[in-house]
Amino acid sequence: MKGFVRMIESIFAGLLLMSFIIFMVPSELVVKPDLSYKGYEMLEKLERKGVLRAYLFNTTKLMEEIDIPGYSYSVSVCDTRGNCIGNLPNATNIWVSSRIVSKNDIYVVRLYIWE
């Protein structure tokens, strides 16, 4: 009979522990999206429209073509020698998407997205 009582006690203790854990863990975990994928899609869309090459040296026009609602973003264009134009963000949790474009030289277009 002692074994049966200890088994019931241990089952009750396990259920009590599990219910405590279930109620203490938040029911809704907030998962932040990976915005670099959204940035790659945006750069691909601009490339298909022909805008990326047309406005390669005009980052203001490139910024006007980009639409990512709810987030801040900026664009920079760098050549192979490290000369860059555009604004670099001063923020944390920044996602970066890059695309290589060739036009007289090879350039890297970087799209920075942050909250």
PDB file of N, CA and C in Angstrom:
ATOM      1  N   MET A   1       0.814  -1.191   0.000  1.00  0.00           N
ATOM      2  CA  MET A   1       0.000   0.000   0.000  1.00  0.00           C
ATOM      3  C   MET A   1       0.868   1.271   0.000  1.00  0.00           C
ATOM      4  N   LYS A   2       2.082   1.198   0.634  1.00  0.00           N
ATOM      5  CA  LYS A   2       2.965   2.353   0.654  1.00  0.00           C
ATOM      6  C   LYS A   2       3.411   2.742  -0.753  1.00  0.00           C
ATOM      7  N   GLY A   3       3.687   1.770  -1.579  1.00  0.00           N
ATOM      8  CA  GLY A   3       4.114   2.034  -2.957  1.00  0.00           C
ATOM      9  C   GLY A   3       3.039   2.731  -3.764  1.00  0.00           C
ATOM     10  N   PHE A   4       1.799   2.339  -3.572  1.00  0.00           N
ATOM     11  CA  PHE A   4       0.681   2.942  -4.285  1.00  0.00           C
ATOM     12  C   PHE A   4       0.518   4.413  -3.889  1.00  0.00           C
ATOM     13  N   VAL A   5       0.650   4.719  -2.597  1.00  0.00           N
ATOM     14  CA  VAL A   5       0.514   6.098  -2.117  1.00  0.00           C
ATOM     15  C   VAL A   5       1.649   6.950  -2.651  1.00  0.00           C
ATOM     16  N   ARG A   6       2.873   6.419  -2.674  1.00  0.00           N
ATOM     17  CA  ARG A   6       4.012   7.183  -3.211  1.00  0.00           C
ATOM     18  C   ARG A   6       3.850   7.428  -4.710  1.00  0.00           C
ATOM     19  N   MET A   7       3.302   6.464  -5.422  1.00  0.00           N
ATOM     20  CA  MET A   7       3.074   6.641  -6.852  1.00  0.00           C
ATOM     21  C   MET A   7       2.044   7.751  -7.090  1.00  0.00           C
ATOM     22  N   ILE A   8       0.969   7.781  -6.335  1.00  0.00           N
ATOM     23  CA  ILE A   8      -0.042   8.824  -6.462  1.00  0.00           C
ATOM     24  C   ILE A   8       0.560  10.183  -6.110  1.00  0.00           C
ATOM     25  N   GLU A   9       1.394  10.255  -5.067  1.00  0.00           N
ATOM     26  CA  GLU A   9       2.056  11.495  -4.688  1.00  0.00           C
ATOM     27  C   GLU A   9       2.976  11.996  -5.793  1.00  0.00           C
ATOM     28  N   SER A  10       3.727  11.098  -6.395  1.00  0.00           N
ATOM     29  CA  SER A  10       4.656  11.517  -7.453  1.00  0.00           C
ATOM     30  C   SER A  10       3.899  11.978  -8.703  1.00  0.00           C
ATOM     31  N   ILE A  11       2.797  11.320  -9.023  1.00  0.00           N
ATOM     32  CA  ILE A  11       1.982  11.755 -10.169  1.00  0.00           C
ATOM     33  C   ILE A  11       1.411  13.140  -9.892  1.00  0.00           C
ATOM     34  N   PHE A  12       0.896  13.350  -8.669  1.00  0.00           N
ATOM     35  CA  PHE A  12       0.344  14.640  -8.291  1.00  0.00           C
ATOM     36  C   PHE A  12       1.424  15.729  -8.341  1.00  0.00           C
ATOM     37  N   ALA A  13       2.624  15.430  -7.862  1.00  0.00           N
ATOM     38  CA  ALA A  13       3.731  16.392  -7.884  1.00  0.00           C
ATOM     39  C   ALA A  13       4.129  16.729  -9.329  1.00  0.00           C
ATOM     40  N   GLY A  14       4.147  15.716 -10.198  1.00  0.00           N
ATOM     41  CA  GLY A  14       4.468  15.953 -11.603  1.00  0.00           C
ATOM     42  C   GLY A  14       3.427  16.834 -12.275  1.00  0.00           C
ATOM     43  N   LEU A  15       2.146  16.573 -12.020  1.00  0.00           N
ATOM     44  CA  LEU A  15       1.085  17.391 -12.589  1.00  0.00           C
ATOM     45  C   LEU A  15       1.155  18.828 -12.073  1.00  0.00           C
ATOM     46  N   LEU A  16       1.445  18.977 -10.795  1.00  0.00           N
ATOM     47  CA  LEU A  16       1.573  20.302 -10.211  1.00  0.00           C
ATOM     48  C   LEU A  16       2.733  21.063 -10.838  1.00  0.00           C
ATOM     49  N   LEU A  17       3.857  20.401 -11.017  1.00  0.00           N
ATOM     50  CA  LEU A  17       5.024  21.020 -11.638  1.00  0.00           C
ATOM     51  C   LEU A  17       4.745  21.394 -13.093  1.00  0.00           C
ATOM     52  N   MET A  18       4.116  20.496 -13.844  1.00  0.00           N
ATOM     53  CA  MET A  18       3.807  20.780 -15.249  1.00  0.00           C
ATOM     54  C   MET A  18       2.820  21.939 -15.382  1.00  0.00           C
ATOM     55  N   SER A  19       1.806  21.994 -14.520  1.00  0.00           N
ATOM     56  CA  SER A  19       0.846  23.100 -14.601  1.00  0.00           C
ATOM     57  C   SER A  19       1.521  24.424 -14.252  1.00  0.00           C
ATOM     58  N   PHE A  20       2.449  24.418 -13.291  1.00  0.00           N
ATOM     59  CA  PHE A  20       3.189  25.631 -12.958  1.00  0.00           C
ATOM     60  C   PHE A  20       4.003  26.113 -14.154  1.00  0.00           C
ATOM     61  N   ILE A  21       4.686  25.199 -14.810  1.00  0.00           N
ATOM     62  CA  ILE A  21       5.504  25.561 -15.968  1.00  0.00           C
ATOM     63  C   ILE A  21       4.632  26.088 -17.101  1.00  0.00           C
ATOM     64  N   ILE A  22       3.497  25.466 -17.352  1.00  0.00           N
ATOM     65  CA  ILE A  22       2.609  25.894 -18.434  1.00  0.00           C
ATOM     66  C   ILE A  22       2.082  27.300 -18.181  1.00  0.00           C
ATOM     67  N   PHE A  23       1.717  27.609 -16.954  1.00  0.00           N
ATOM     68  CA  PHE A  23       1.165  28.927 -16.661  1.00  0.00           C
ATOM     69  C   PHE A  23       2.236  30.009 -16.551  1.00  0.00           C
ATOM     70  N   MET A  24       3.446  29.650 -16.247  1.00  0.00           N
ATOM     71  CA  MET A  24       4.507  30.643 -16.105  1.00  0.00           C
ATOM     72  C   MET A  24       5.158  30.998 -17.441  1.00  0.00           C
ATOM     73  N   VAL A  25       5.169  30.102 -18.392  1.00  0.00           N
ATOM     74  CA  VAL A  25       5.733  30.374 -19.707  1.00  0.00           C
ATOM     75  C   VAL A  25       4.717  31.207 -20.483  1.00  0.00           C
ATOM     76  N   PRO A  26       5.144  32.299 -21.103  1.00  0.00           N
ATOM     77  CA  PRO A  26       4.182  33.114 -21.853  1.00  0.00           C
ATOM     78  C   PRO A  26       3.538  32.300 -22.969  1.00  0.00           C
ATOM     79  N   SER A  27       2.255  32.492 -23.110  1.00  0.00           N
ATOM     80  CA  SER A  27       1.527  31.703 -24.104  1.00  0.00           C
ATOM     81  C   SER A  27       1.818  32.154 -25.523  1.00  0.00           C
ATOM     82  N   GLU A  28       2.241  33.392 -25.676  1.00  0.00           N
ATOM     83  CA  GLU A  28       2.497  33.912 -27.008  1.00  0.00           C
ATOM     84  C   GLU A  28       3.944  34.365 -27.092  1.00  0.00           C
ATOM     85  N   LEU A  29       4.764  33.625 -27.794  1.00  0.00           N
ATOM     86  CA  LEU A  29       6.151  33.995 -27.955  1.00  0.00           C
ATOM     87  C   LEU A  29       6.269  34.911 -29.164  1.00  0.00           C
ATOM     88  N   VAL A  30       6.963  36.012 -29.006  1.00  0.00           N
ATOM     89  CA  VAL A  30       7.128  36.967 -30.086  1.00  0.00           C
ATOM     90  C   VAL A  30       8.373  36.572 -30.877  1.00  0.00           C
ATOM     91  N   VAL A  31       8.177  36.266 -32.139  1.00  0.00           N
ATOM     92  CA  VAL A  31       9.275  35.899 -33.019  1.00  0.00           C
ATOM     93  C   VAL A  31       9.463  37.022 -34.021  1.00  0.00           C
ATOM     94  N   LYS A  32      10.647  37.600 -34.029  1.00  0.00           N
ATOM     95  CA  LYS A  32      10.921  38.681 -34.965  1.00  0.00           C
ATOM     96  C   LYS A  32      11.242  38.085 -36.333  1.00  0.00           C
ATOM     97  N   PRO A  33      10.707  38.673 -37.381  1.00  0.00           N
ATOM     98  CA  PRO A  33      10.946  38.118 -38.715  1.00  0.00           C
ATOM     99  C   PRO A  33      12.371  38.386 -39.182  1.00  0.00           C
ATOM    100  N   ASP A  34      12.829  37.569 -40.080  1.00  0.00           N
ATOM    101  CA  ASP A  34      14.135  37.780 -40.688  1.00  0.00           C
ATOM    102  C   ASP A  34      13.924  38.694 -41.886  1.00  0.00           C
ATOM    103  N   LEU A  35      14.247  39.951 -41.715  1.00  0.00           N
ATOM    104  CA  LEU A  35      13.972  40.939 -42.746  1.00  0.00           C
ATOM    105  C   LEU A  35      14.980  40.929 -43.873  1.00  0.00           C
ATOM    106  N   SER A  36      16.078  40.199 -43.722  1.00  0.00           N
ATOM    107  CA  SER A  36      17.037  40.151 -44.827  1.00  0.00           C
ATOM    108  C   SER A  36      16.403  39.499 -46.049  1.00  0.00           C
ATOM    109  N   TYR A  37      15.515  38.534 -45.833  1.00  0.00           N
ATOM    110  CA  TYR A  37      14.813  37.903 -46.950  1.00  0.00           C
ATOM    111  C   TYR A  37      13.918  38.916 -47.662  1.00  0.00           C
ATOM    112  N   LYS A  38      13.233  39.748 -46.891  1.00  0.00           N
ATOM    113  CA  LYS A  38      12.381  40.785 -47.479  1.00  0.00           C
ATOM    114  C   LYS A  38      13.238  41.774 -48.268  1.00  0.00           C
ATOM    115  N   GLY A  39      14.426  42.066 -47.751  1.00  0.00           N
ATOM    116  CA  GLY A  39      15.348  42.956 -48.451  1.00  0.00           C
ATOM    117  C   GLY A  39      15.824  42.360 -49.769  1.00  0.00           C
ATOM    118  N   TYR A  40      16.134  41.059 -49.772  1.00  0.00           N
ATOM    119  CA  TYR A  40      16.535  40.407 -51.021  1.00  0.00           C
ATOM    120  C   TYR A  40      15.409  40.459 -52.046  1.00  0.00           C
ATOM    121  N   GLU A  41      14.188  40.235 -51.583  1.00  0.00           N
ATOM    122  CA  GLU A  41      13.045  40.314 -52.503  1.00  0.00           C
ATOM    123  C   GLU A  41      12.894  41.718 -53.079  1.00  0.00           C
ATOM    124  N   MET A  42      13.089  42.731 -52.243  1.00  0.00           N
ATOM    125  CA  MET A  42      12.957  44.109 -52.715  1.00  0.00           C
ATOM    126  C   MET A  42      14.038  44.447 -53.735  1.00  0.00           C
ATOM    127  N   LEU A  43      15.279  44.048 -53.474  1.00  0.00           N
ATOM    128  CA  LEU A  43      16.352  44.295 -54.429  1.00  0.00           C
ATOM    129  C   LEU A  43      16.116  43.543 -55.740  1.00  0.00           C
ATOM    130  N   GLU A  44      15.598  42.325 -55.650  1.00  0.00           N
ATOM    131  CA  GLU A  44      15.279  41.547 -56.845  1.00  0.00           C
ATOM    132  C   GLU A  44      14.176  42.238 -57.649  1.00  0.00           C
ATOM    133  N   LYS A  45      13.181  42.756 -56.963  1.00  0.00           N
ATOM    134  CA  LYS A  45      12.078  43.466 -57.627  1.00  0.00           C
ATOM    135  C   LYS A  45      12.587  44.717 -58.343  1.00  0.00           C
ATOM    136  N   LEU A  46      13.482  45.463 -57.684  1.00  0.00           N
ATOM    137  CA  LEU A  46      14.058  46.654 -58.312  1.00  0.00           C
ATOM    138  C   LEU A  46      14.913  46.284 -59.522  1.00  0.00           C
ATOM    139  N   GLU A  47      15.608  45.169 -59.435  1.00  0.00           N
ATOM    140  CA  GLU A  47      16.427  44.711 -60.567  1.00  0.00           C
ATOM    141  C   GLU A  47      15.550  44.342 -61.760  1.00  0.00           C
ATOM    142  N   ARG A  48      14.452  43.633 -61.483  1.00  0.00           N
ATOM    143  CA  ARG A  48      13.540  43.243 -62.578  1.00  0.00           C
ATOM    144  C   ARG A  48      12.898  44.457 -63.245  1.00  0.00           C
ATOM    145  N   LYS A  49      12.631  45.503 -62.455  1.00  0.00           N
ATOM    146  CA  LYS A  49      12.039  46.723 -63.010  1.00  0.00           C
ATOM    147  C   LYS A  49      13.067  47.563 -63.767  1.00  0.00           C
ATOM    148  N   GLY A  50      14.345  47.268 -63.607  1.00  0.00           N
ATOM    149  CA  GLY A  50      15.395  48.045 -64.244  1.00  0.00           C
ATOM    150  C   GLY A  50      15.763  49.299 -63.471  1.00  0.00           C
ATOM    151  N   VAL A  51      15.222  49.446 -62.291  1.00  0.00           N
ATOM    152  CA  VAL A  51      15.448  50.637 -61.474  1.00  0.00           C
ATOM    153  C   VAL A  51      16.809  50.593 -60.799  1.00  0.00           C
ATOM    154  N   LEU A  52      17.263  49.421 -60.441  1.00  0.00           N
ATOM    155  CA  LEU A  52      18.508  49.289 -59.692  1.00  0.00           C
ATOM    156  C   LEU A  52      19.696  49.817 -60.500  1.00  0.00           C
ATOM    157  N   ARG A  53      19.767  49.492 -61.753  1.00  0.00           N
ATOM    158  CA  ARG A  53      20.860  49.998 -62.600  1.00  0.00           C
ATOM    159  C   ARG A  53      20.661  51.463 -62.962  1.00  0.00           C
ATOM    160  N   ALA A  54      19.421  51.846 -63.196  1.00  0.00           N
ATOM    161  CA  ALA A  54      19.144  53.219 -63.612  1.00  0.00           C
ATOM    162  C   ALA A  54      19.490  54.221 -62.515  1.00  0.00           C
ATOM    163  N   TYR A  55      19.191  53.889 -61.269  1.00  0.00           N
ATOM    164  CA  TYR A  55      19.435  54.794 -60.151  1.00  0.00           C
ATOM    165  C   TYR A  55      20.610  54.337 -59.300  1.00  0.00           C
ATOM    166  N   LEU A  56      21.579  53.688 -59.903  1.00  0.00           N
ATOM    167  CA  LEU A  56      22.693  53.113 -59.146  1.00  0.00           C
ATOM    168  C   LEU A  56      23.462  54.170 -58.356  1.00  0.00           C
ATOM    169  N   PHE A  57      23.639  55.345 -58.936  1.00  0.00           N
ATOM    170  CA  PHE A  57      24.410  56.389 -58.265  1.00  0.00           C
ATOM    171  C   PHE A  57      23.517  57.441 -57.601  1.00  0.00           C
ATOM    172  N   ASN A  58      22.224  57.215 -57.586  1.00  0.00           N
ATOM    173  CA  ASN A  58      21.285  58.136 -56.965  1.00  0.00           C
ATOM    174  C   ASN A  58      20.522  57.385 -55.874  1.00  0.00           C
ATOM    175  N   THR A  59      21.100  57.350 -54.681  1.00  0.00           N
ATOM    176  CA  THR A  59      20.495  56.565 -53.603  1.00  0.00           C
ATOM    177  C   THR A  59      19.164  57.163 -53.144  1.00  0.00           C
ATOM    178  N   THR A  60      18.971  58.464 -53.355  1.00  0.00           N
ATOM    179  CA  THR A  60      17.695  59.086 -52.988  1.00  0.00           C
ATOM    180  C   THR A  60      16.567  58.523 -53.837  1.00  0.00           C
ATOM    181  N   LYS A  61      16.804  58.384 -55.134  1.00  0.00           N
ATOM    182  CA  LYS A  61      15.789  57.797 -56.024  1.00  0.00           C
ATOM    183  C   LYS A  61      15.549  56.326 -55.696  1.00  0.00           C
ATOM    184  N   LEU A  62      16.616  55.610 -55.360  1.00  0.00           N
ATOM    185  CA  LEU A  62      16.450  54.207 -54.963  1.00  0.00           C
ATOM    186  C   LEU A  62      15.593  54.099 -53.706  1.00  0.00           C
ATOM    187  N   MET A  63      15.816  54.997 -52.745  1.00  0.00           N
ATOM    188  CA  MET A  63      15.027  54.986 -51.509  1.00  0.00           C
ATOM    189  C   MET A  63      13.550  55.243 -51.801  1.00  0.00           C
ATOM    190  N   GLU A  64      13.258  56.090 -52.801  1.00  0.00           N
ATOM    191  CA  GLU A  64      11.867  56.377 -53.162  1.00  0.00           C
ATOM    192  C   GLU A  64      11.183  55.154 -53.757  1.00  0.00           C
ATOM    193  N   GLU A  65      11.933  54.282 -54.394  1.00  0.00           N
ATOM    194  CA  GLU A  65      11.365  53.090 -55.029  1.00  0.00           C
ATOM    195  C   GLU A  65      11.110  51.956 -54.037  1.00  0.00           C
ATOM    196  N   ILE A  66      11.752  52.015 -52.887  1.00  0.00           N
ATOM    197  CA  ILE A  66      11.641  50.941 -51.893  1.00  0.00           C
ATOM    198  C   ILE A  66      10.458  51.226 -50.980  1.00  0.00           C
ATOM    199  N   ASP A  67       9.689  50.182 -50.710  1.00  0.00           N
ATOM    200  CA  ASP A  67       8.552  50.313 -49.798  1.00  0.00           C
ATOM    201  C   ASP A  67       8.524  49.106 -48.861  1.00  0.00           C
ATOM    202  N   ILE A  68       8.935  49.323 -47.626  1.00  0.00           N
ATOM    203  CA  ILE A  68       8.886  48.286 -46.594  1.00  0.00           C
ATOM    204  C   ILE A  68       8.140  48.896 -45.413  1.00  0.00           C
ATOM    205  N   PRO A  69       6.823  48.723 -45.370  1.00  0.00           N
ATOM    206  CA  PRO A  69       6.032  49.385 -44.331  1.00  0.00           C
ATOM    207  C   PRO A  69       6.364  48.877 -42.922  1.00  0.00           C
ATOM    208  N   GLY A  70       6.419  49.825 -41.992  1.00  0.00           N
ATOM    209  CA  GLY A  70       6.657  49.481 -40.596  1.00  0.00           C
ATOM    210  C   GLY A  70       8.118  49.428 -40.196  1.00  0.00           C
ATOM    211  N   TYR A  71       9.025  49.613 -41.135  1.00  0.00           N
ATOM    212  CA  TYR A  71      10.449  49.536 -40.839  1.00  0.00           C
ATOM    213  C   TYR A  71      11.180  50.714 -41.473  1.00  0.00           C
ATOM    214  N   SER A  72      12.305  51.069 -40.880  1.00  0.00           N
ATOM    215  CA  SER A  72      13.179  52.088 -41.460  1.00  0.00           C
ATOM    216  C   SER A  72      14.204  51.392 -42.338  1.00  0.00           C
ATOM    217  N   TYR A  73      14.682  52.097 -43.344  1.00  0.00           N
ATOM    218  CA  TYR A  73      15.655  51.485 -44.254  1.00  0.00           C
ATOM    219  C   TYR A  73      16.516  52.563 -44.881  1.00  0.00           C
ATOM    220  N   SER A  74      17.671  52.153 -45.351  1.00  0.00           N
ATOM    221  CA  SER A  74      18.559  53.029 -46.098  1.00  0.00           C
ATOM    222  C   SER A  74      19.334  52.195 -47.105  1.00  0.00           C
ATOM    223  N   VAL A  75      19.931  52.885 -48.067  1.00  0.00           N
ATOM    224  CA  VAL A  75      20.636  52.219 -49.161  1.00  0.00           C
ATOM    225  C   VAL A  75      22.037  52.806 -49.275  1.00  0.00           C
ATOM    226  N   SER A  76      23.000  51.940 -49.535  1.00  0.00           N
ATOM    227  CA  SER A  76      24.344  52.398 -49.876  1.00  0.00           C
ATOM    228  C   SER A  76      24.834  51.608 -51.075  1.00  0.00           C
ATOM    229  N   VAL A  77      25.658  52.261 -51.880  1.00  0.00           N
ATOM    230  CA  VAL A  77      26.242  51.636 -53.066  1.00  0.00           C
ATOM    231  C   VAL A  77      27.755  51.774 -52.954  1.00  0.00           C
ATOM    232  N   CYS A  78      28.467  50.653 -53.045  1.00  0.00           N
ATOM    233  CA  CYS A  78      29.927  50.655 -52.928  1.00  0.00           C
ATOM    234  C   CYS A  78      30.548  50.040 -54.175  1.00  0.00           C
ATOM    235  N   ASP A  79      31.711  50.578 -54.570  1.00  0.00           N
ATOM    236  CA  ASP A  79      32.438  49.977 -55.685  1.00  0.00           C
ATOM    237  C   ASP A  79      33.497  49.035 -55.147  1.00  0.00           C
ATOM    238  N   THR A  80      34.282  48.460 -56.034  1.00  0.00           N
ATOM    239  CA  THR A  80      35.275  47.457 -55.620  1.00  0.00           C
ATOM    240  C   THR A  80      36.450  48.071 -54.853  1.00  0.00           C
ATOM    241  N   ARG A  81      36.632  49.388 -54.964  1.00  0.00           N
ATOM    242  CA  ARG A  81      37.722  50.054 -54.248  1.00  0.00           C
ATOM    243  C   ARG A  81      37.309  50.514 -52.855  1.00  0.00           C
ATOM    244  N   GLY A  82      36.043  50.280 -52.485  1.00  0.00           N
ATOM    245  CA  GLY A  82      35.569  50.649 -51.152  1.00  0.00           C
ATOM    246  C   GLY A  82      34.959  52.025 -51.053  1.00  0.00           C
ATOM    247  N   ASN A  83      34.794  52.705 -52.187  1.00  0.00           N
ATOM    248  CA  ASN A  83      34.146  54.014 -52.180  1.00  0.00           C
ATOM    249  C   ASN A  83      32.642  53.802 -52.122  1.00  0.00           C
ATOM    250  N   CYS A  84      31.993  54.394 -51.125  1.00  0.00           N
ATOM    251  CA  CYS A  84      30.560  54.178 -50.928  1.00  0.00           C
ATOM    252  C   CYS A  84      29.809  55.502 -50.943  1.00  0.00           C
ATOM    253  N   ILE A  85      28.584  55.438 -51.461  1.00  0.00           N
ATOM    254  CA  ILE A  85      27.667  56.561 -51.360  1.00  0.00           C
ATOM    255  C   ILE A  85      26.403  56.048 -50.676  1.00  0.00           C
ATOM    256  N   GLY A  86      25.719  56.938 -50.003  1.00  0.00           N
ATOM    257  CA  GLY A  86      24.503  56.543 -49.303  1.00  0.00           C
ATOM    258  C   GLY A  86      24.687  56.673 -47.809  1.00  0.00           C
ATOM    259  N   ASN A  87      23.625  56.390 -47.097  1.00  0.00           N
ATOM    260  CA  ASN A  87      23.621  56.537 -45.643  1.00  0.00           C
ATOM    261  C   ASN A  87      23.736  55.195 -44.952  1.00  0.00           C
ATOM    262  N   LEU A  88      24.589  55.154 -43.952  1.00  0.00           N
ATOM    263  CA  LEU A  88      24.689  53.975 -43.104  1.00  0.00           C
ATOM    264  C   LEU A  88      23.826  54.211 -41.871  1.00  0.00           C
ATOM    265  N   PRO A  89      23.061  53.214 -41.455  1.00  0.00           N
ATOM    266  CA  PRO A  89      22.175  53.415 -40.306  1.00  0.00           C
ATOM    267  C   PRO A  89      22.938  53.471 -38.988  1.00  0.00           C
ATOM    268  N   ASN A  90      22.376  54.212 -38.068  1.00  0.00           N
ATOM    269  CA  ASN A  90      22.907  54.277 -36.713  1.00  0.00           C
ATOM    270  C   ASN A  90      21.849  53.668 -35.798  1.00  0.00           C
ATOM    271  N   ALA A  91      21.738  52.357 -35.824  1.00  0.00           N
ATOM    272  CA  ALA A  91      20.695  51.654 -35.075  1.00  0.00           C
ATOM    273  C   ALA A  91      21.215  50.283 -34.673  1.00  0.00           C
ATOM    274  N   THR A  92      20.393  49.554 -33.932  1.00  0.00           N
ATOM    275  CA  THR A  92      20.711  48.182 -33.569  1.00  0.00           C
ATOM    276  C   THR A  92      19.726  47.258 -34.270  1.00  0.00           C
ATOM    277  N   ASN A  93      20.008  45.985 -34.269  1.00  0.00           N
ATOM    278  CA  ASN A  93      19.165  44.976 -34.939  1.00  0.00           C
ATOM    279  C   ASN A  93      18.932  45.336 -36.397  1.00  0.00           C
ATOM    280  N   ILE A  94      20.007  45.418 -37.139  1.00  0.00           N
ATOM    281  CA  ILE A  94      19.943  45.797 -38.554  1.00  0.00           C
ATOM    282  C   ILE A  94      20.069  44.539 -39.403  1.00  0.00           C
ATOM    283  N   TRP A  95      19.195  44.410 -40.387  1.00  0.00           N
ATOM    284  CA  TRP A  95      19.276  43.345 -41.372  1.00  0.00           C
ATOM    285  C   TRP A  95      19.842  43.950 -42.645  1.00  0.00           C
ATOM    286  N   VAL A  96      20.769  43.257 -43.268  1.00  0.00           N
ATOM    287  CA  VAL A  96      21.420  43.766 -44.473  1.00  0.00           C
ATOM    288  C   VAL A  96      21.186  42.794 -45.610  1.00  0.00           C
ATOM    289  N   SER A  97      20.754  43.341 -46.730  1.00  0.00           N
ATOM    290  CA  SER A  97      20.602  42.560 -47.954  1.00  0.00           C
ATOM    291  C   SER A  97      21.492  43.207 -49.002  1.00  0.00           C
ATOM    292  N   SER A  98      22.209  42.403 -49.769  1.00  0.00           N
ATOM    293  CA  SER A  98      23.146  42.926 -50.759  1.00  0.00           C
ATOM    294  C   SER A  98      22.848  42.352 -52.132  1.00  0.00           C
ATOM    295  N   ARG A  99      23.186  43.120 -53.136  1.00  0.00           N
ATOM    296  CA  ARG A  99      23.052  42.654 -54.518  1.00  0.00           C
ATOM    297  C   ARG A  99      24.218  43.225 -55.306  1.00  0.00           C
ATOM    298  N   ILE A 100      24.854  42.407 -56.108  1.00  0.00           N
ATOM    299  CA  ILE A 100      25.974  42.840 -56.936  1.00  0.00           C
ATOM    300  C   ILE A 100      25.437  43.247 -58.296  1.00  0.00           C
ATOM    301  N   VAL A 101      25.855  44.439 -58.731  1.00  0.00           N
ATOM    302  CA  VAL A 101      25.402  44.987 -60.007  1.00  0.00           C
ATOM    303  C   VAL A 101      26.641  45.382 -60.797  1.00  0.00           C
ATOM    304  N   SER A 102      26.663  45.045 -62.075  1.00  0.00           N
ATOM    305  CA  SER A 102      27.783  45.452 -62.917  1.00  0.00           C
ATOM    306  C   SER A 102      27.303  46.510 -63.907  1.00  0.00           C
ATOM    307  N   LYS A 103      28.049  47.596 -63.934  1.00  0.00           N
ATOM    308  CA  LYS A 103      27.773  48.712 -64.845  1.00  0.00           C
ATOM    309  C   LYS A 103      29.073  49.505 -64.905  1.00  0.00           C
ATOM    310  N   ASN A 104      29.829  49.394 -65.947  1.00  0.00           N
ATOM    311  CA  ASN A 104      31.164  49.980 -66.092  1.00  0.00           C
ATOM    312  C   ASN A 104      32.146  49.418 -65.068  1.00  0.00           C
ATOM    313  N   ASP A 105      31.693  49.083 -63.911  1.00  0.00           N
ATOM    314  CA  ASP A 105      32.482  48.519 -62.824  1.00  0.00           C
ATOM    315  C   ASP A 105      31.543  47.606 -62.029  1.00  0.00           C
ATOM    316  N   ILE A 106      32.053  46.968 -61.021  1.00  0.00           N
ATOM    317  CA  ILE A 106      31.206  46.107 -60.181  1.00  0.00           C
ATOM    318  C   ILE A 106      30.848  46.883 -58.920  1.00  0.00           C
ATOM    319  N   TYR A 107      29.565  46.904 -58.603  1.00  0.00           N
ATOM    320  CA  TYR A 107      29.062  47.638 -57.449  1.00  0.00           C
ATOM    321  C   TYR A 107      28.251  46.702 -56.558  1.00  0.00           C
ATOM    322  N   VAL A 108      28.246  47.015 -55.280  1.00  0.00           N
ATOM    323  CA  VAL A 108      27.440  46.271 -54.314  1.00  0.00           C
ATOM    324  C   VAL A 108      26.392  47.232 -53.755  1.00  0.00           C
ATOM    325  N   VAL A 109      25.129  46.885 -53.967  1.00  0.00           N
ATOM    326  CA  VAL A 109      24.029  47.669 -53.422  1.00  0.00           C
ATOM    327  C   VAL A 109      23.605  46.997 -52.124  1.00  0.00           C
ATOM    328  N   ARG A 110      23.637  47.753 -51.031  1.00  0.00           N
ATOM    329  CA  ARG A 110      23.255  47.212 -49.722  1.00  0.00           C
ATOM    330  C   ARG A 110      22.005  47.916 -49.246  1.00  0.00           C
ATOM    331  N   LEU A 111      21.037  47.107 -48.854  1.00  0.00           N
ATOM    332  CA  LEU A 111      19.787  47.612 -48.296  1.00  0.00           C
ATOM    333  C   LEU A 111      19.778  47.270 -46.801  1.00  0.00           C
ATOM    334  N   TYR A 112      19.774  48.306 -45.969  1.00  0.00           N
ATOM    335  CA  TYR A 112      19.767  48.142 -44.516  1.00  0.00           C
ATOM    336  C   TYR A 112      18.327  48.328 -44.024  1.00  0.00           C
ATOM    337  N   ILE A 113      17.840  47.396 -43.226  1.00  0.00           N
ATOM    338  CA  ILE A 113      16.487  47.476 -42.686  1.00  0.00           C
ATOM    339  C   ILE A 113      16.584  47.336 -41.162  1.00  0.00           C
ATOM    340  N   TRP A 114      15.879  48.203 -40.444  1.00  0.00           N
ATOM    341  CA  TRP A 114      15.849  48.121 -38.993  1.00  0.00           C
ATOM    342  C   TRP A 114      14.511  48.639 -38.477  1.00  0.00           C
ATOM    343  N   GLU A 115      14.314  48.431 -37.177  1.00  0.00           N
ATOM    344  CA  GLU A 115      13.044  48.843 -36.555  1.00  0.00           C
ATOM    345  C   GLU A 115      13.133  50.251 -36.028  1.00  0.00           C
TER     346      GLU A 115
END
